[in-house]
Amino acid sequence: MTRQIAVRLPDELVEFIDGHVEHGDANSRATVVARALERQRRHEIAARDAEILARAGGDTDLDDLAEHAAHTPMDDLD
């Protein structure tokens, strides 16, 4: 389900949006705005998750594996 909303934007943002539509990067202004909002939503979720992980402290279960992988030359993977 979708809902239509009215939004006022500065001229330079509308020109930016219209540029994406004109160049075929998006089918409509709504697509450009929806993509930008979805990107912002994912950013905020990731920032929240990072904060939760930082407060929880490190999980050391995979530290040895990560240390080994960090010192394994990529050439040795053939």
N, C-alpha and C. Protein backbone atom coordinates (compact mmCIF):
# COMPACT_ATOMS: atom_id res chain seq x y z
N MET A 1 0.83 -1.18 0.00
CA MET A 1 0.00 0.00 0.00
C MET A 1 0.88 1.24 0.00
N THR A 2 0.49 2.23 -0.71
CA THR A 2 1.21 3.50 -0.71
C THR A 2 0.23 4.62 -0.42
N ARG A 3 0.78 5.73 0.05
CA ARG A 3 -0.04 6.92 0.30
C ARG A 3 0.63 8.11 -0.37
N GLN A 4 -0.16 8.99 -0.87
CA GLN A 4 0.34 10.20 -1.49
C GLN A 4 0.42 11.29 -0.43
N ILE A 5 1.56 12.01 -0.41
CA ILE A 5 1.73 13.13 0.50
C ILE A 5 2.24 14.33 -0.29
N ALA A 6 2.00 15.49 0.23
CA ALA A 6 2.51 16.72 -0.39
C ALA A 6 3.71 17.19 0.42
N VAL A 7 4.79 17.50 -0.27
CA VAL A 7 6.02 17.94 0.40
C VAL A 7 6.53 19.17 -0.31
N ARG A 8 6.93 20.16 0.47
CA ARG A 8 7.56 21.35 -0.11
C ARG A 8 9.07 21.18 0.01
N LEU A 9 9.77 21.38 -1.12
CA LEU A 9 11.22 21.24 -1.15
C LEU A 9 11.83 22.47 -1.80
N PRO A 10 13.06 22.80 -1.41
CA PRO A 10 13.75 23.91 -2.06
C PRO A 10 13.97 23.61 -3.55
N ASP A 11 14.01 24.67 -4.34
CA ASP A 11 14.17 24.53 -5.79
C ASP A 11 15.35 23.65 -6.17
N GLU A 12 16.50 23.82 -5.47
CA GLU A 12 17.69 23.05 -5.86
C GLU A 12 17.50 21.54 -5.62
N LEU A 13 16.72 21.17 -4.61
CA LEU A 13 16.45 19.75 -4.41
C LEU A 13 15.52 19.20 -5.49
N VAL A 14 14.53 19.99 -5.87
CA VAL A 14 13.62 19.56 -6.94
C VAL A 14 14.39 19.40 -8.24
N GLU A 15 15.31 20.33 -8.52
CA GLU A 15 16.12 20.23 -9.73
C GLU A 15 17.00 18.98 -9.68
N PHE A 16 17.55 18.67 -8.52
CA PHE A 16 18.35 17.46 -8.33
C PHE A 16 17.52 16.22 -8.62
N ILE A 17 16.32 16.18 -8.05
CA ILE A 17 15.41 15.05 -8.26
C ILE A 17 15.04 14.92 -9.73
N ASP A 18 14.67 16.04 -10.33
CA ASP A 18 14.28 16.02 -11.73
C ASP A 18 15.44 15.58 -12.63
N GLY A 19 16.66 15.92 -12.25
CA GLY A 19 17.82 15.47 -13.01
C GLY A 19 17.94 13.96 -13.04
N HIS A 20 17.66 13.33 -11.91
CA HIS A 20 17.69 11.86 -11.87
C HIS A 20 16.61 11.25 -12.76
N VAL A 21 15.46 11.87 -12.76
CA VAL A 21 14.37 11.37 -13.60
C VAL A 21 14.71 11.58 -15.07
N GLU A 22 15.20 12.77 -15.42
CA GLU A 22 15.54 13.08 -16.81
C GLU A 22 16.64 12.18 -17.36
N HIS A 23 17.59 11.80 -16.51
CA HIS A 23 18.69 10.95 -16.95
C HIS A 23 18.35 9.46 -16.89
N GLY A 24 17.13 9.15 -16.51
CA GLY A 24 16.69 7.76 -16.50
C GLY A 24 17.12 6.97 -15.27
N ASP A 25 17.64 7.67 -14.25
CA ASP A 25 18.05 6.98 -13.02
C ASP A 25 16.85 6.54 -12.19
N ALA A 26 15.70 7.15 -12.44
CA ALA A 26 14.47 6.82 -11.72
C ALA A 26 13.29 7.10 -12.64
N ASN A 27 12.20 6.42 -12.37
CA ASN A 27 10.99 6.60 -13.19
C ASN A 27 10.20 7.84 -12.83
N SER A 28 10.36 8.31 -11.60
CA SER A 28 9.54 9.43 -11.15
C SER A 28 10.21 10.15 -9.97
N ARG A 29 9.69 11.31 -9.68
CA ARG A 29 10.16 12.04 -8.50
C ARG A 29 9.92 11.21 -7.24
N ALA A 30 8.78 10.55 -7.18
CA ALA A 30 8.44 9.74 -6.00
C ALA A 30 9.47 8.64 -5.79
N THR A 31 9.96 8.05 -6.87
CA THR A 31 10.97 7.00 -6.76
C THR A 31 12.25 7.55 -6.16
N VAL A 32 12.69 8.71 -6.60
CA VAL A 32 13.91 9.32 -6.07
C VAL A 32 13.76 9.61 -4.59
N VAL A 33 12.64 10.20 -4.21
CA VAL A 33 12.41 10.55 -2.81
C VAL A 33 12.30 9.28 -1.96
N ALA A 34 11.58 8.28 -2.44
CA ALA A 34 11.43 7.03 -1.69
C ALA A 34 12.78 6.35 -1.49
N ARG A 35 13.63 6.34 -2.53
CA ARG A 35 14.97 5.74 -2.39
C ARG A 35 15.79 6.48 -1.34
N ALA A 36 15.73 7.80 -1.37
CA ALA A 36 16.50 8.60 -0.41
C ALA A 36 16.02 8.34 1.01
N LEU A 37 14.72 8.27 1.20
CA LEU A 37 14.17 8.02 2.53
C LEU A 37 14.49 6.61 3.00
N GLU A 38 14.44 5.64 2.09
CA GLU A 38 14.78 4.27 2.46
C GLU A 38 16.26 4.18 2.85
N ARG A 39 17.12 4.87 2.11
CA ARG A 39 18.55 4.91 2.45
C ARG A 39 18.76 5.52 3.83
N GLN A 40 18.06 6.59 4.12
CA GLN A 40 18.17 7.23 5.43
C GLN A 40 17.66 6.31 6.53
N ARG A 41 16.58 5.61 6.26
CA ARG A 41 16.03 4.66 7.24
C ARG A 41 17.03 3.56 7.54
N ARG A 42 17.66 3.00 6.50
CA ARG A 42 18.67 1.95 6.70
C ARG A 42 19.87 2.49 7.47
N HIS A 43 20.26 3.73 7.17
CA HIS A 43 21.37 4.36 7.88
C HIS A 43 21.06 4.47 9.38
N GLU A 44 19.87 4.93 9.70
CA GLU A 44 19.49 5.09 11.11
C GLU A 44 19.41 3.74 11.82
N ILE A 45 18.92 2.71 11.14
CA ILE A 45 18.87 1.37 11.74
C ILE A 45 20.28 0.87 11.99
N ALA A 46 21.18 1.05 11.03
CA ALA A 46 22.57 0.61 11.18
C ALA A 46 23.25 1.36 12.32
N ALA A 47 23.01 2.66 12.42
CA ALA A 47 23.60 3.44 13.51
C ALA A 47 23.08 2.98 14.86
N ARG A 48 21.80 2.68 14.93
CA ARG A 48 21.22 2.16 16.18
C ARG A 48 21.84 0.82 16.54
N ASP A 49 21.96 -0.07 15.54
CA ASP A 49 22.55 -1.38 15.79
C ASP A 49 24.00 -1.26 16.24
N ALA A 50 24.76 -0.35 15.62
CA ALA A 50 26.15 -0.15 16.00
C ALA A 50 26.24 0.35 17.45
N GLU A 51 25.33 1.23 17.83
CA GLU A 51 25.31 1.72 19.21
C GLU A 51 25.00 0.60 20.19
N ILE A 52 24.05 -0.25 19.83
CA ILE A 52 23.70 -1.39 20.70
C ILE A 52 24.90 -2.31 20.84
N LEU A 53 25.58 -2.61 19.75
CA LEU A 53 26.75 -3.48 19.81
C LEU A 53 27.88 -2.85 20.62
N ALA A 54 28.06 -1.56 20.48
CA ALA A 54 29.12 -0.87 21.23
C ALA A 54 28.84 -0.92 22.73
N ARG A 55 27.59 -0.75 23.11
CA ARG A 55 27.22 -0.81 24.53
C ARG A 55 27.34 -2.23 25.08
N ALA A 56 27.07 -3.21 24.24
CA ALA A 56 27.08 -4.60 24.68
C ALA A 56 28.50 -5.13 24.85
N GLY A 57 29.46 -4.45 24.27
CA GLY A 57 30.83 -4.93 24.34
C GLY A 57 31.11 -5.94 23.25
N GLY A 58 32.37 -6.27 23.11
CA GLY A 58 32.77 -7.16 22.03
C GLY A 58 32.40 -8.60 22.28
N ASP A 59 32.12 -9.29 21.22
CA ASP A 59 31.88 -10.72 21.26
C ASP A 59 33.17 -11.38 20.81
N THR A 60 33.84 -12.05 21.70
CA THR A 60 35.18 -12.58 21.42
C THR A 60 35.17 -13.97 20.79
N ASP A 61 34.02 -14.53 20.52
CA ASP A 61 33.95 -15.89 19.97
C ASP A 61 34.73 -16.04 18.66
N LEU A 62 34.75 -15.03 17.83
CA LEU A 62 35.40 -15.14 16.53
C LEU A 62 36.72 -14.37 16.45
N ASP A 63 37.22 -13.88 17.57
CA ASP A 63 38.45 -13.08 17.56
C ASP A 63 39.64 -13.86 17.02
N ASP A 64 39.80 -15.12 17.41
CA ASP A 64 40.93 -15.91 16.93
C ASP A 64 40.86 -16.13 15.42
N LEU A 65 39.67 -16.41 14.91
CA LEU A 65 39.49 -16.59 13.48
C LEU A 65 39.79 -15.29 12.73
N ALA A 66 39.30 -14.17 13.24
CA ALA A 66 39.55 -12.88 12.61
C ALA A 66 41.04 -12.56 12.62
N GLU A 67 41.72 -12.84 13.70
CA GLU A 67 43.17 -12.59 13.79
C GLU A 67 43.91 -13.44 12.77
N HIS A 68 43.55 -14.70 12.67
CA HIS A 68 44.18 -15.59 11.69
C HIS A 68 43.93 -15.08 10.26
N ALA A 69 42.69 -14.71 9.96
CA ALA A 69 42.35 -14.23 8.62
C ALA A 69 43.08 -12.94 8.29
N ALA A 70 43.25 -12.09 9.28
CA ALA A 70 43.93 -10.81 9.05
C ALA A 70 45.38 -11.01 8.67
N HIS A 71 45.98 -12.11 9.10
CA HIS A 71 47.40 -12.35 8.82
C HIS A 71 47.62 -13.41 7.75
N THR A 72 46.56 -13.82 7.08
CA THR A 72 46.69 -14.81 6.02
C THR A 72 46.79 -14.08 4.68
N PRO A 73 47.94 -14.24 3.98
CA PRO A 73 48.11 -13.58 2.68
C PRO A 73 47.05 -14.09 1.69
N MET A 74 46.54 -13.22 0.88
CA MET A 74 45.52 -13.60 -0.09
C MET A 74 46.08 -14.57 -1.13
N ASP A 75 47.40 -14.53 -1.40
CA ASP A 75 48.02 -15.41 -2.38
C ASP A 75 47.93 -16.87 -1.97
N ASP A 76 47.83 -17.13 -0.66
CA ASP A 76 47.81 -18.50 -0.15
C ASP A 76 46.44 -19.16 -0.31
N LEU A 77 45.47 -18.43 -0.84
CA LEU A 77 44.12 -18.97 -0.94
C LEU A 77 43.90 -19.77 -2.22
N ASP A 78 44.87 -19.84 -3.10
CA ASP A 78 44.71 -20.58 -4.37
C ASP A 78 44.73 -22.05 -4.19
